[in-house]
């Protein structure tokens, strides 16, 4: 079991927030022009460079 510092937890939280999909109301409002987020990331494919 790893011990995460509060700073590391905050960075992971921020990365998780950025990796979420575009909300449905945004897709509808923009006429489906905005479908993806440039910060989208898959947890298994692209690893974060977060230091302890």
N, C-alpha and C. Protein backbone atom coordinates (compact mmCIF):
# COMPACT_ATOMS: atom_id res chain seq x y z
N UNK A 1 0.84 -1.17 0.00
CA UNK A 1 0.00 0.00 0.00
C UNK A 1 0.89 1.24 0.00
N UNK A 2 0.62 2.15 -0.90
CA UNK A 2 1.46 3.34 -1.00
C UNK A 2 0.91 4.46 -0.13
N UNK A 3 1.82 5.27 0.37
CA UNK A 3 1.42 6.43 1.18
C UNK A 3 1.54 7.66 0.30
N UNK A 4 0.43 8.31 0.06
CA UNK A 4 0.43 9.50 -0.79
C UNK A 4 0.41 10.74 0.08
N UNK A 5 1.26 11.68 -0.28
CA UNK A 5 1.27 12.96 0.43
C UNK A 5 0.08 13.79 -0.04
N UNK A 6 -0.34 14.77 0.75
CA UNK A 6 -1.46 15.62 0.33
C UNK A 6 -1.18 16.35 -0.99
N UNK A 7 0.09 16.71 -1.23
CA UNK A 7 0.45 17.40 -2.48
C UNK A 7 0.25 16.47 -3.68
N UNK A 8 0.68 15.22 -3.52
CA UNK A 8 0.53 14.26 -4.61
C UNK A 8 -0.95 13.97 -4.87
N UNK A 9 -1.73 13.87 -3.80
CA UNK A 9 -3.17 13.64 -3.95
C UNK A 9 -3.82 14.79 -4.71
N UNK A 10 -3.39 16.01 -4.42
CA UNK A 10 -3.95 17.18 -5.11
C UNK A 10 -3.63 17.14 -6.60
N UNK A 11 -2.40 16.74 -6.94
CA UNK A 11 -2.01 16.65 -8.35
C UNK A 11 -2.80 15.56 -9.07
N UNK A 12 -2.99 14.43 -8.39
CA UNK A 12 -3.77 13.35 -8.98
C UNK A 12 -5.23 13.76 -9.17
N UNK A 13 -5.76 14.50 -8.20
CA UNK A 13 -7.14 14.99 -8.29
C UNK A 13 -7.31 15.92 -9.48
N UNK A 14 -6.33 16.80 -9.67
CA UNK A 14 -6.39 17.75 -10.78
C UNK A 14 -6.32 17.01 -12.12
N UNK A 15 -5.44 16.00 -12.20
CA UNK A 15 -5.31 15.23 -13.43
C UNK A 15 -6.59 14.46 -13.73
N UNK A 16 -7.23 13.97 -12.69
CA UNK A 16 -8.48 13.23 -12.88
C UNK A 16 -9.59 14.15 -13.37
N UNK A 17 -9.62 15.36 -12.84
CA UNK A 17 -10.62 16.35 -13.29
C UNK A 17 -10.43 16.69 -14.76
N UNK A 18 -9.17 16.82 -15.18
CA UNK A 18 -8.89 17.19 -16.57
C UNK A 18 -9.18 16.04 -17.54
N UNK A 19 -9.14 14.81 -17.04
CA UNK A 19 -9.31 13.65 -17.92
C UNK A 19 -10.77 13.28 -18.14
N UNK A 20 -11.70 13.99 -17.54
CA UNK A 20 -13.11 13.63 -17.70
C UNK A 20 -13.63 14.07 -19.07
N UNK A 21 -14.67 13.42 -19.58
CA UNK A 21 -15.18 13.77 -20.90
C UNK A 21 -15.90 15.12 -20.92
N UNK A 22 -16.13 15.60 -22.13
CA UNK A 22 -16.84 16.87 -22.32
C UNK A 22 -18.30 16.65 -21.90
N UNK A 23 -18.88 17.56 -21.11
CA UNK A 23 -20.27 17.39 -20.69
C UNK A 23 -21.23 17.38 -21.88
N UNK A 24 -22.32 16.68 -21.71
CA UNK A 24 -23.29 16.51 -22.78
C UNK A 24 -23.90 17.84 -23.22
N UNK A 25 -24.17 18.73 -22.26
CA UNK A 25 -24.79 20.01 -22.63
C UNK A 25 -23.86 20.85 -23.51
N UNK A 26 -22.55 20.69 -23.35
CA UNK A 26 -21.59 21.42 -24.19
C UNK A 26 -21.64 20.87 -25.61
N UNK A 27 -21.71 19.55 -25.73
CA UNK A 27 -21.81 18.94 -27.06
C UNK A 27 -23.06 19.41 -27.79
N UNK A 28 -24.17 19.46 -27.08
CA UNK A 28 -25.44 19.89 -27.69
C UNK A 28 -25.39 21.37 -28.04
N UNK A 29 -24.88 22.18 -27.12
CA UNK A 29 -24.84 23.64 -27.30
C UNK A 29 -23.97 24.04 -28.50
N UNK A 30 -22.88 23.31 -28.74
CA UNK A 30 -21.97 23.65 -29.83
C UNK A 30 -22.31 22.92 -31.13
N UNK A 31 -23.43 22.22 -31.14
CA UNK A 31 -23.81 21.49 -32.36
C UNK A 31 -22.85 20.37 -32.67
N UNK A 32 -22.34 19.71 -31.66
CA UNK A 32 -21.40 18.58 -31.73
C UNK A 32 -20.07 18.95 -32.39
N UNK A 33 -19.70 20.24 -32.36
CA UNK A 33 -18.38 20.64 -32.87
C UNK A 33 -17.31 20.33 -31.83
N UNK A 34 -17.68 20.49 -30.56
CA UNK A 34 -16.76 20.17 -29.47
C UNK A 34 -17.14 18.80 -28.95
N UNK A 35 -16.32 17.79 -29.26
CA UNK A 35 -16.63 16.42 -28.85
C UNK A 35 -15.58 15.86 -27.89
N UNK A 36 -14.34 16.32 -28.03
CA UNK A 36 -13.27 15.75 -27.21
C UNK A 36 -12.54 16.84 -26.45
N UNK A 37 -11.80 16.42 -25.45
CA UNK A 37 -10.98 17.31 -24.64
C UNK A 37 -9.52 17.07 -25.01
N UNK A 38 -8.72 18.13 -25.22
CA UNK A 38 -7.31 17.90 -25.55
C UNK A 38 -6.54 17.25 -24.40
N UNK A 39 -7.02 17.41 -23.17
CA UNK A 39 -6.32 16.84 -22.01
C UNK A 39 -6.78 15.43 -21.69
N UNK A 40 -7.62 14.84 -22.54
CA UNK A 40 -8.13 13.49 -22.27
C UNK A 40 -6.97 12.51 -22.21
N UNK A 41 -7.02 11.59 -21.25
CA UNK A 41 -5.92 10.67 -21.02
C UNK A 41 -6.48 9.36 -20.47
N UNK A 42 -5.92 8.26 -20.94
CA UNK A 42 -6.33 6.95 -20.42
C UNK A 42 -5.31 6.51 -19.38
N UNK A 43 -5.79 6.00 -18.27
CA UNK A 43 -4.92 5.70 -17.13
C UNK A 43 -3.89 4.63 -17.44
N UNK A 44 -4.19 3.76 -18.40
CA UNK A 44 -3.26 2.67 -18.68
C UNK A 44 -2.29 3.00 -19.80
N UNK A 45 -2.68 3.91 -20.68
CA UNK A 45 -1.86 4.20 -21.86
C UNK A 45 -0.83 5.30 -21.60
N UNK A 46 -1.26 6.41 -21.05
CA UNK A 46 -0.34 7.53 -20.84
C UNK A 46 -0.18 7.76 -19.35
N UNK A 47 1.04 7.63 -18.88
CA UNK A 47 1.31 7.79 -17.45
C UNK A 47 1.61 9.25 -17.12
N UNK A 48 1.23 9.64 -15.93
CA UNK A 48 1.49 11.00 -15.45
C UNK A 48 2.91 11.09 -14.91
N UNK A 49 3.52 12.24 -15.10
CA UNK A 49 4.84 12.46 -14.53
C UNK A 49 4.66 13.24 -13.24
N UNK A 50 4.26 12.54 -12.19
CA UNK A 50 4.02 13.18 -10.90
C UNK A 50 5.09 12.72 -9.93
N UNK A 51 5.76 13.70 -9.36
CA UNK A 51 6.79 13.37 -8.37
C UNK A 51 6.15 13.30 -6.99
N UNK A 52 6.88 12.69 -6.06
CA UNK A 52 6.33 12.53 -4.70
C UNK A 52 6.30 13.78 -3.91
